[in-house]
PDB file of N, CA and C in Angstrom:
ATOM      1  N   MET A   1     113.675 150.153  74.104  1.00  0.00           N
ATOM      2  CA  MET A   1     112.669 150.871  74.848  1.00  0.00           C
ATOM      3  C   MET A   1     112.497 150.231  76.240  1.00  0.00           C
ATOM      4  N   ALA A   2     112.451 151.046  77.243  1.00  0.00           N
ATOM      5  CA  ALA A   2     112.283 150.536  78.659  1.00  0.00           C
ATOM      6  C   ALA A   2     110.881 150.021  78.885  1.00  0.00           C
ATOM      7  N   LYS A   3     110.846 149.013  79.657  1.00  0.00           N
ATOM      8  CA  LYS A   3     109.516 148.425  80.019  1.00  0.00           C
ATOM      9  C   LYS A   3     108.826 149.306  81.028  1.00  0.00           C
ATOM     10  N   LYS A   4     107.540 149.531  80.852  1.00  0.00           N
ATOM     11  CA  LYS A   4     106.811 150.441  81.761  1.00  0.00           C
ATOM     12  C   LYS A   4     106.098 149.671  82.821  1.00  0.00           C
ATOM     13  N   ASN A   5     105.988 150.281  83.995  1.00  0.00           N
ATOM     14  CA  ASN A   5     105.256 149.729  85.092  1.00  0.00           C
ATOM     15  C   ASN A   5     103.774 150.096  84.996  1.00  0.00           C
ATOM     16  N   CYS A   6     102.929 149.401  85.797  1.00  0.00           N
ATOM     17  CA  CYS A   6     101.515 149.572  85.638  1.00  0.00           C
ATOM     18  C   CYS A   6     101.101 151.067  85.876  1.00  0.00           C
ATOM     19  N   TRP A   7     101.690 151.737  86.868  1.00  0.00           N
ATOM     20  CA  TRP A   7     101.253 153.087  87.146  1.00  0.00           C
ATOM     21  C   TRP A   7     101.669 154.057  86.020  1.00  0.00           C
ATOM     22  N   GLU A   8     102.630 153.686  85.227  1.00  0.00           N
ATOM     23  CA  GLU A   8     103.054 154.527  84.084  1.00  0.00           C
ATOM     24  C   GLU A   8     102.084 154.292  82.943  1.00  0.00           C
ATOM     25  N   VAL A   9     101.591 153.076  82.753  1.00  0.00           N
ATOM     26  CA  VAL A   9     100.658 152.822  81.677  1.00  0.00           C
ATOM     27  C   VAL A   9      99.273 153.126  82.034  1.00  0.00           C
ATOM     28  N   MET A  10      98.845 152.792  83.230  1.00  0.00           N
ATOM     29  CA  MET A  10      97.409 153.055  83.648  1.00  0.00           C
ATOM     30  C   MET A  10      97.169 154.493  84.223  1.00  0.00           C
ATOM     31  N   LYS A  11      98.272 155.192  84.497  1.00  0.00           N
ATOM     32  CA  LYS A  11      98.198 156.585  85.012  1.00  0.00           C
ATOM     33  C   LYS A  11      97.249 156.750  86.181  1.00  0.00           C
ATOM     34  N   CYS A  12      97.400 155.858  87.130  1.00  0.00           N
ATOM     35  CA  CYS A  12      96.539 155.944  88.316  1.00  0.00           C
ATOM     36  C   CYS A  12      96.961 156.989  89.298  1.00  0.00           C
ATOM     37  N   GLY A  13      98.227 157.414  89.277  1.00  0.00           N
ATOM     38  CA  GLY A  13      98.767 158.411  90.160  1.00  0.00           C
ATOM     39  C   GLY A  13      98.931 157.927  91.578  1.00  0.00           C
ATOM     40  N   ARG A  14      99.052 156.627  91.793  1.00  0.00           N
ATOM     41  CA  ARG A  14      99.235 156.049  93.147  1.00  0.00           C
ATOM     42  C   ARG A  14     100.691 155.642  93.423  1.00  0.00           C
ATOM     43  N   GLU A  15     101.590 155.949  92.523  1.00  0.00           N
ATOM     44  CA  GLU A  15     103.017 155.650  92.766  1.00  0.00           C
ATOM     45  C   GLU A  15     103.544 156.683  93.755  1.00  0.00           C
ATOM     46  N   PRO A  16     104.666 156.415  94.524  1.00  0.00           N
ATOM     47  CA  PRO A  16     105.166 157.438  95.432  1.00  0.00           C
ATOM     48  C   PRO A  16     105.350 158.725  94.693  1.00  0.00           C
ATOM     49  N   GLY A  17     104.804 159.770  95.296  1.00  0.00           N
ATOM     50  CA  GLY A  17     104.865 161.075  94.669  1.00  0.00           C
ATOM     51  C   GLY A  17     103.778 161.349  93.621  1.00  0.00           C
ATOM     52  N   GLY A  18     102.966 160.365  93.411  1.00  0.00           N
ATOM     53  CA  GLY A  18     101.879 160.480  92.352  1.00  0.00           C
ATOM     54  C   GLY A  18     100.807 161.467  92.740  1.00  0.00           C
ATOM     55  N   LYS A  19     100.032 161.908  91.752  1.00  0.00           N
ATOM     56  CA  LYS A  19      99.019 162.925  91.952  1.00  0.00           C
ATOM     57  C   LYS A  19      97.821 162.488  92.785  1.00  0.00           C
ATOM     58  N   ASN A  20      97.604 161.160  92.970  1.00  0.00           N
ATOM     59  CA  ASN A  20      96.440 160.670  93.688  1.00  0.00           C
ATOM     60  C   ASN A  20      96.770 160.029  95.055  1.00  0.00           C
ATOM     61  N   VAL A  21      98.086 160.164  95.460  1.00  0.00           N
ATOM     62  CA  VAL A  21      98.495 159.533  96.691  1.00  0.00           C
ATOM     63  C   VAL A  21      97.769 160.067  97.905  1.00  0.00           C
ATOM     64  N   ARG A  22      97.656 161.368  98.010  1.00  0.00           N
ATOM     65  CA  ARG A  22      96.934 161.959  99.121  1.00  0.00           C
ATOM     66  C   ARG A  22      95.478 161.437  99.269  1.00  0.00           C
ATOM     67  N   GLU A  23      94.825 161.342  98.163  1.00  0.00           N
ATOM     68  CA  GLU A  23      93.434 160.936  98.168  1.00  0.00           C
ATOM     69  C   GLU A  23      93.252 159.401  98.304  1.00  0.00           C
ATOM     70  N   LEU A  24      94.114 158.648  97.576  1.00  0.00           N
ATOM     71  CA  LEU A  24      93.892 157.198  97.452  1.00  0.00           C
ATOM     72  C   LEU A  24      94.940 156.321  98.091  1.00  0.00           C
ATOM     73  N   GLY A  25      96.038 156.968  98.512  1.00  0.00           N
ATOM     74  CA  GLY A  25      97.110 156.261  99.090  1.00  0.00           C
ATOM     75  C   GLY A  25      98.089 155.659  98.069  1.00  0.00           C
ATOM     76  N   ILE A  26      99.244 155.174  98.547  1.00  0.00           N
ATOM     77  CA  ILE A  26     100.254 154.616  97.624  1.00  0.00           C
ATOM     78  C   ILE A  26      99.832 153.158  97.311  1.00  0.00           C
ATOM     79  N   CYS A  27      99.939 152.822  96.086  1.00  0.00           N
ATOM     80  CA  CYS A  27      99.565 151.466  95.626  1.00  0.00           C
ATOM     81  C   CYS A  27     100.608 150.483  96.113  1.00  0.00           C
ATOM     82  N   PRO A  28     100.174 149.296  96.659  1.00  0.00           N
ATOM     83  CA  PRO A  28     101.147 148.312  97.113  1.00  0.00           C
ATOM     84  C   PRO A  28     102.056 147.830  96.039  1.00  0.00           C
ATOM     85  N   ALA A  29     101.620 147.798  94.822  1.00  0.00           N
ATOM     86  CA  ALA A  29     102.485 147.320  93.706  1.00  0.00           C
ATOM     87  C   ALA A  29     103.666 148.242  93.527  1.00  0.00           C
ATOM     88  N   ALA A  30     103.507 149.493  93.897  1.00  0.00           N
ATOM     89  CA  ALA A  30     104.596 150.460  93.736  1.00  0.00           C
ATOM     90  C   ALA A  30     105.613 150.469  94.851  1.00  0.00           C
ATOM     91  N   THR A  31     105.321 149.620  95.892  1.00  0.00           N
ATOM     92  CA  THR A  31     106.249 149.635  97.037  1.00  0.00           C
ATOM     93  C   THR A  31     106.645 148.199  97.397  1.00  0.00           C
ATOM     94  N   ASP A  32     105.985 147.174  96.908  1.00  0.00           N
ATOM     95  CA  ASP A  32     106.316 145.822  97.319  1.00  0.00           C
ATOM     96  C   ASP A  32     107.630 145.318  96.682  1.00  0.00           C
ATOM     97  N   GLU A  33     108.641 145.195  97.546  1.00  0.00           N
ATOM     98  CA  GLU A  33     109.956 144.845  97.060  1.00  0.00           C
ATOM     99  C   GLU A  33     110.163 143.367  96.756  1.00  0.00           C
ATOM    100  N   ARG A  34     109.240 142.503  97.141  1.00  0.00           N
ATOM    101  CA  ARG A  34     109.410 141.115  96.927  1.00  0.00           C
ATOM    102  C   ARG A  34     109.380 140.694  95.430  1.00  0.00           C
ATOM    103  N   LEU A  35     108.833 141.510  94.607  1.00  0.00           N
ATOM    104  CA  LEU A  35     108.802 141.199  93.189  1.00  0.00           C
ATOM    105  C   LEU A  35     109.637 142.193  92.341  1.00  0.00           C
ATOM    106  N   GLU A  36     110.566 142.834  93.046  1.00  0.00           N
ATOM    107  CA  GLU A  36     111.447 143.791  92.379  1.00  0.00           C
ATOM    108  C   GLU A  36     112.135 143.148  91.172  1.00  0.00           C
ATOM    109  N   GLY A  37     112.002 143.784  90.033  1.00  0.00           N
ATOM    110  CA  GLY A  37     112.649 143.306  88.794  1.00  0.00           C
ATOM    111  C   GLY A  37     111.817 142.308  88.014  1.00  0.00           C
ATOM    112  N   THR A  38     110.740 141.826  88.560  1.00  0.00           N
ATOM    113  CA  THR A  38     109.908 140.842  87.827  1.00  0.00           C
ATOM    114  C   THR A  38     109.467 141.458  86.485  1.00  0.00           C
ATOM    115  N   HIS A  39     109.650 140.732  85.451  1.00  0.00           N
ATOM    116  CA  HIS A  39     109.281 141.149  84.081  1.00  0.00           C
ATOM    117  C   HIS A  39     109.929 142.475  83.707  1.00  0.00           C
ATOM    118  N   GLY A  40     111.050 142.794  84.400  1.00  0.00           N
ATOM    119  CA  GLY A  40     111.782 144.027  84.111  1.00  0.00           C
ATOM    120  C   GLY A  40     111.228 145.277  84.697  1.00  0.00           C
ATOM    121  N   GLY A  41     110.381 145.120  85.711  1.00  0.00           N
ATOM    122  CA  GLY A  41     109.714 146.268  86.286  1.00  0.00           C
ATOM    123  C   GLY A  41     110.321 146.677  87.663  1.00  0.00           C
ATOM    124  N   LYS A  42     109.836 147.854  88.123  1.00  0.00           N
ATOM    125  CA  LYS A  42     110.244 148.369  89.413  1.00  0.00           C
ATOM    126  C   LYS A  42     109.238 147.912  90.483  1.00  0.00           C
ATOM    127  N   LYS A  43     109.769 147.430  91.638  1.00  0.00           N
ATOM    128  CA  LYS A  43     108.899 146.863  92.677  1.00  0.00           C
ATOM    129  C   LYS A  43     107.977 145.737  92.076  1.00  0.00           C
ATOM    130  N   ALA A  44     106.679 145.821  92.246  1.00  0.00           N
ATOM    131  CA  ALA A  44     105.752 144.859  91.621  1.00  0.00           C
ATOM    132  C   ALA A  44     104.980 145.524  90.448  1.00  0.00           C
ATOM    133  N   GLY A  45     105.598 146.486  89.859  1.00  0.00           N
ATOM    134  CA  GLY A  45     104.947 147.236  88.794  1.00  0.00           C
ATOM    135  C   GLY A  45     104.653 146.527  87.532  1.00  0.00           C
ATOM    136  N   ARG A  46     105.278 145.338  87.354  1.00  0.00           N
ATOM    137  CA  ARG A  46     104.898 144.530  86.134  1.00  0.00           C
ATOM    138  C   ARG A  46     104.417 143.123  86.602  1.00  0.00           C
ATOM    139  N   ALA A  47     103.818 143.157  87.804  1.00  0.00           N
ATOM    140  CA  ALA A  47     103.221 141.902  88.332  1.00  0.00           C
ATOM    141  C   ALA A  47     102.064 142.313  89.288  1.00  0.00           C
ATOM    142  N   CYS A  48     101.424 143.442  89.024  1.00  0.00           N
ATOM    143  CA  CYS A  48     100.436 144.062  89.930  1.00  0.00           C
ATOM    144  C   CYS A  48      99.248 143.124  90.199  1.00  0.00           C
ATOM    145  N   TRP A  49      98.992 142.188  89.276  1.00  0.00           N
ATOM    146  CA  TRP A  49      97.785 141.366  89.409  1.00  0.00           C
ATOM    147  C   TRP A  49      97.845 140.373  90.565  1.00  0.00           C
ATOM    148  N   VAL A  50      99.067 140.118  91.100  1.00  0.00           N
ATOM    149  CA  VAL A  50      99.162 139.273  92.190  1.00  0.00           C
ATOM    150  C   VAL A  50      99.269 139.990  93.521  1.00  0.00           C
ATOM    151  N   ILE A  51      99.187 141.240  93.511  1.00  0.00           N
ATOM    152  CA  ILE A  51      99.334 142.124  94.721  1.00  0.00           C
ATOM    153  C   ILE A  51      97.958 142.604  95.180  1.00  0.00           C
ATOM    154  N   ALA A  52      97.575 142.307  96.410  1.00  0.00           N
ATOM    155  CA  ALA A  52      96.342 142.754  97.016  1.00  0.00           C
ATOM    156  C   ALA A  52      96.322 144.249  97.172  1.00  0.00           C
ATOM    157  N   GLY A  53      95.172 144.960  96.943  1.00  0.00           N
ATOM    158  CA  GLY A  53      95.096 146.324  97.261  1.00  0.00           C
ATOM    159  C   GLY A  53      95.462 147.239  96.049  1.00  0.00           C
ATOM    160  N   THR A  54      95.624 146.718  94.923  1.00  0.00           N
ATOM    161  CA  THR A  54      95.966 147.549  93.723  1.00  0.00           C
ATOM    162  C   THR A  54      94.618 148.225  93.312  1.00  0.00           C
ATOM    163  N   PHE A  55      94.743 149.224  92.420  1.00  0.00           N
ATOM    164  CA  PHE A  55      93.639 150.054  92.053  1.00  0.00           C
ATOM    165  C   PHE A  55      93.258 149.731  90.680  1.00  0.00           C
ATOM    166  N   CYS A  56      91.956 149.545  90.410  1.00  0.00           N
ATOM    167  CA  CYS A  56      91.529 149.254  89.087  1.00  0.00           C
ATOM    168  C   CYS A  56      90.037 149.626  89.003  1.00  0.00           C
ATOM    169  N   GLY A  57      89.637 150.204  87.890  1.00  0.00           N
ATOM    170  CA  GLY A  57      88.261 150.550  87.658  1.00  0.00           C
ATOM    171  C   GLY A  57      87.698 151.478  88.724  1.00  0.00           C
ATOM    172  N   SER A  58      88.543 152.436  89.171  1.00  0.00           N
ATOM    173  CA  SER A  58      88.244 153.425  90.128  1.00  0.00           C
ATOM    174  C   SER A  58      87.913 152.868  91.540  1.00  0.00           C
ATOM    175  N   ALA A  59      88.417 151.696  91.841  1.00  0.00           N
ATOM    176  CA  ALA A  59      88.213 151.110  93.121  1.00  0.00           C
ATOM    177  C   ALA A  59      89.411 150.233  93.501  1.00  0.00           C
ATOM    178  N   VAL A  60      89.712 150.251  94.856  1.00  0.00           N
ATOM    179  CA  VAL A  60      90.832 149.391  95.363  1.00  0.00           C
ATOM    180  C   VAL A  60      90.358 147.921  95.219  1.00  0.00           C
ATOM    181  N   GLN A  61      91.199 147.097  94.694  1.00  0.00           N
ATOM    182  CA  GLN A  61      90.859 145.653  94.536  1.00  0.00           C
ATOM    183  C   GLN A  61      91.300 144.840  95.737  1.00  0.00           C
ATOM    184  N   GLY A  62      90.691 143.725  95.889  1.00  0.00           N
ATOM    185  CA  GLY A  62      91.002 142.824  97.070  1.00  0.00           C
ATOM    186  C   GLY A  62      92.141 141.875  96.821  1.00  0.00           C
ATOM    187  N   THR A  63      91.981 140.675  97.322  1.00  0.00           N
ATOM    188  CA  THR A  63      92.998 139.664  97.273  1.00  0.00           C
ATOM    189  C   THR A  63      93.161 139.122  95.831  1.00  0.00           C
ATOM    190  N   PHE A  64      94.180 138.413  95.582  1.00  0.00           N
ATOM    191  CA  PHE A  64      94.447 137.793  94.298  1.00  0.00           C
ATOM    192  C   PHE A  64      93.207 136.990  93.831  1.00  0.00           C
ATOM    193  N   ALA A  65      92.682 136.180  94.701  1.00  0.00           N
ATOM    194  CA  ALA A  65      91.557 135.297  94.310  1.00  0.00           C
ATOM    195  C   ALA A  65      90.333 136.173  93.894  1.00  0.00           C
ATOM    196  N   GLN A  66      90.169 137.306  94.535  1.00  0.00           N
ATOM    197  CA  GLN A  66      89.020 138.188  94.257  1.00  0.00           C
ATOM    198  C   GLN A  66      89.173 138.978  92.959  1.00  0.00           C
ATOM    199  N   LYS A  67      90.378 139.267  92.596  1.00  0.00           N
ATOM    200  CA  LYS A  67      90.611 140.179  91.484  1.00  0.00           C
ATOM    201  C   LYS A  67      91.186 139.540  90.231  1.00  0.00           C
ATOM    202  N   TYR A  68      91.686 138.313  90.308  1.00  0.00           N
ATOM    203  CA  TYR A  68      92.442 137.786  89.188  1.00  0.00           C
ATOM    204  C   TYR A  68      91.683 137.723  87.845  1.00  0.00           C
ATOM    205  N   LYS A  69      90.452 137.368  87.834  1.00  0.00           N
ATOM    206  CA  LYS A  69      89.672 137.267  86.621  1.00  0.00           C
ATOM    207  C   LYS A  69      89.642 138.651  85.905  1.00  0.00           C
ATOM    208  N   ASP A  70      89.352 139.675  86.724  1.00  0.00           N
ATOM    209  CA  ASP A  70      89.340 141.057  86.161  1.00  0.00           C
ATOM    210  C   ASP A  70      90.724 141.377  85.611  1.00  0.00           C
ATOM    211  N   CYS A  71      91.782 141.042  86.326  1.00  0.00           N
ATOM    212  CA  CYS A  71      93.109 141.363  85.914  1.00  0.00           C
ATOM    213  C   CYS A  71      93.475 140.696  84.595  1.00  0.00           C
ATOM    214  N   THR A  72      93.071 139.481  84.354  1.00  0.00           N
ATOM    215  CA  THR A  72      93.378 138.869  83.094  1.00  0.00           C
ATOM    216  C   THR A  72      92.704 139.506  81.931  1.00  0.00           C
ATOM    217  N   GLU A  73      91.742 140.289  82.165  1.00  0.00           N
ATOM    218  CA  GLU A  73      91.057 141.084  81.064  1.00  0.00           C
ATOM    219  C   GLU A  73      91.652 142.452  80.919  1.00  0.00           C
ATOM    220  N   CYS A  74      92.615 142.832  81.798  1.00  0.00           N
ATOM    221  CA  CYS A  74      93.248 144.163  81.802  1.00  0.00           C
ATOM    222  C   CYS A  74      94.214 144.250  80.651  1.00  0.00           C
ATOM    223  N   ALA A  75      94.148 145.421  79.929  1.00  0.00           N
ATOM    224  CA  ALA A  75      95.108 145.739  78.836  1.00  0.00           C
ATOM    225  C   ALA A  75      96.528 145.635  79.247  1.00  0.00           C
ATOM    226  N   PHE A  76      96.875 146.144  80.496  1.00  0.00           N
ATOM    227  CA  PHE A  76      98.251 146.111  80.983  1.00  0.00           C
ATOM    228  C   PHE A  76      98.703 144.667  81.169  1.00  0.00           C
ATOM    229  N   PHE A  77      97.909 143.887  81.835  1.00  0.00           N
ATOM    230  CA  PHE A  77      98.267 142.410  82.044  1.00  0.00           C
ATOM    231  C   PHE A  77      98.602 141.816  80.694  1.00  0.00           C
ATOM    232  N   ARG A  78      97.706 141.998  79.752  1.00  0.00           N
ATOM    233  CA  ARG A  78      97.922 141.394  78.390  1.00  0.00           C
ATOM    234  C   ARG A  78      99.171 141.908  77.778  1.00  0.00           C
ATOM    235  N   GLN A  79      99.470 143.206  77.946  1.00  0.00           N
ATOM    236  CA  GLN A  79     100.672 143.802  77.372  1.00  0.00           C
ATOM    237  C   GLN A  79     101.907 143.172  77.941  1.00  0.00           C
ATOM    238  N   VAL A  80     101.924 142.993  79.256  1.00  0.00           N
ATOM    239  CA  VAL A  80     103.102 142.390  79.957  1.00  0.00           C
ATOM    240  C   VAL A  80     103.301 140.950  79.419  1.00  0.00           C
ATOM    241  N   LYS A  81     102.233 140.193  79.380  1.00  0.00           N
ATOM    242  CA  LYS A  81     102.304 138.812  78.866  1.00  0.00           C
ATOM    243  C   LYS A  81     102.823 138.781  77.458  1.00  0.00           C
ATOM    244  N   LYS A  82     102.411 139.584  76.622  1.00  0.00           N
ATOM    245  CA  LYS A  82     102.861 139.639  75.211  1.00  0.00           C
ATOM    246  C   LYS A  82     104.326 140.093  75.160  1.00  0.00           C
ATOM    247  N   GLU A  83     104.710 141.113  75.909  1.00  0.00           N
ATOM    248  CA  GLU A  83     106.106 141.601  75.899  1.00  0.00           C
ATOM    249  C   GLU A  83     107.083 140.585  76.439  1.00  0.00           C
ATOM    250  N   GLU A  84     106.653 139.854  77.406  1.00  0.00           N
ATOM    251  CA  GLU A  84     107.554 138.849  78.032  1.00  0.00           C
ATOM    252  C   GLU A  84     107.640 137.579  77.266  1.00  0.00           C
ATOM    253  N   GLY A  85     106.637 137.233  76.527  1.00  0.00           N
ATOM    254  CA  GLY A  85     106.637 135.979  75.737  1.00  0.00           C
ATOM    255  C   GLY A  85     107.036 134.750  76.609  1.00  0.00           C
ATOM    256  N   ALA A  86     108.004 134.031  76.147  1.00  0.00           N
ATOM    257  CA  ALA A  86     108.467 132.810  76.897  1.00  0.00           C
ATOM    258  C   ALA A  86     109.038 133.119  78.274  1.00  0.00           C
ATOM    259  N   ASP A  87     109.412 134.340  78.544  1.00  0.00           N
ATOM    260  CA  ASP A  87     109.959 134.705  79.848  1.00  0.00           C
ATOM    261  C   ASP A  87     108.881 135.077  80.816  1.00  0.00           C
ATOM    262  N   TYR A  88     107.632 135.105  80.425  1.00  0.00           N
ATOM    263  CA  TYR A  88     106.487 135.476  81.291  1.00  0.00           C
ATOM    264  C   TYR A  88     106.469 134.499  82.490  1.00  0.00           C
ATOM    265  N   GLN A  89     106.388 135.070  83.716  1.00  0.00           N
ATOM    266  CA  GLN A  89     106.327 134.305  84.899  1.00  0.00           C
ATOM    267  C   GLN A  89     104.888 134.139  85.284  1.00  0.00           C
ATOM    268  N   THR A  90     104.394 132.934  85.447  1.00  0.00           N
ATOM    269  CA  THR A  90     102.969 132.727  85.763  1.00  0.00           C
ATOM    270  C   THR A  90     102.617 133.253  87.140  1.00  0.00           C
ATOM    271  N   SER A  91     101.352 133.455  87.329  1.00  0.00           N
ATOM    272  CA  SER A  91     100.892 133.967  88.639  1.00  0.00           C
ATOM    273  C   SER A  91     101.221 133.004  89.753  1.00  0.00           C
ATOM    274  N   LEU A  92     101.189 131.671  89.494  1.00  0.00           N
ATOM    275  CA  LEU A  92     101.504 130.749  90.500  1.00  0.00           C
ATOM    276  C   LEU A  92     102.971 130.928  90.969  1.00  0.00           C
ATOM    277  N   ILE A  93     103.863 131.091  90.039  1.00  0.00           N
ATOM    278  CA  ILE A  93     105.316 131.363  90.420  1.00  0.00           C
ATOM    279  C   ILE A  93     105.435 132.670  91.209  1.00  0.00           C
ATOM    280  N   LEU A  94     104.716 133.671  90.821  1.00  0.00           N
ATOM    281  CA  LEU A  94     104.773 134.965  91.495  1.00  0.00           C
ATOM    282  C   LEU A  94     104.216 134.915  92.857  1.00  0.00           C
ATOM    283  N   LEU A  95     103.116 134.214  93.086  1.00  0.00           N
ATOM    284  CA  LEU A  95     102.536 134.030  94.366  1.00  0.00           C
ATOM    285  C   LEU A  95     103.444 133.265  95.342  1.00  0.00           C
ATOM    286  N   LYS A  96     104.164 132.296  94.799  1.00  0.00           N
ATOM    287  CA  LYS A  96     105.098 131.565  95.642  1.00  0.00           C
ATOM    288  C   LYS A  96     106.195 132.469  96.067  1.00  0.00           C
ATOM    289  N   ARG A  97     106.668 133.396  95.141  1.00  0.00           N
ATOM    290  CA  ARG A  97     107.742 134.343  95.585  1.00  0.00           C
ATOM    291  C   ARG A  97     107.232 135.292  96.628  1.00  0.00           C
ATOM    292  N   LEU A  98     105.896 135.679  96.616  1.00  0.00           N
ATOM    293  CA  LEU A  98     105.404 136.568  97.652  1.00  0.00           C
ATOM    294  C   LEU A  98     105.392 135.895  99.038  1.00  0.00           C
ATOM    295  N   LYS A  99     105.284 134.599  99.025  1.00  0.00           N
ATOM    296  CA  LYS A  99     105.225 133.894 100.293  1.00  0.00           C
ATOM    297  C   LYS A  99     106.555 133.590 100.991  1.00  0.00           C
ATOM    298  N   VAL A 100     107.626 133.777 100.185  1.00  0.00           N
ATOM    299  CA  VAL A 100     108.968 133.525 100.708  1.00  0.00           C
ATOM    300  C   VAL A 100     109.332 134.647 101.659  1.00  0.00           C
ATOM    301  N   VAL A 101     109.752 134.299 102.852  1.00  0.00           N
ATOM    302  CA  VAL A 101     110.151 135.256 103.831  1.00  0.00           C
ATOM    303  C   VAL A 101     111.640 135.527 103.690  1.00  0.00           C
ATOM    304  N   LYS A 102     112.070 136.743 103.576  1.00  0.00           N
ATOM    305  CA  LYS A 102     113.504 137.030 103.493  1.00  0.00           C
ATOM    306  C   LYS A 102     114.150 137.077 104.845  1.00  0.00           C
TER     307      LYS A 102
END
């Protein structure tokens, strides 16, 4: 079974071509190429908790520091962590990858 990205599980409609793009904009997790392939996802779709500006609880979230606690309580975050098991990449590792300039 293929691993699902956050927009597929959460059904926010903010992925490119999604039903809520016109109203809410495209989610940065659906376009951020720096985390392409992380946890087997597309773009940052399986590492959305480290991306600023993602959508949760009917509101756009802020920086990692502002949203991380809420993200750790998210069913999708917990699903990814469980699915990845020993291969789960911690937020610290992912944040370092975001800071690397290509």
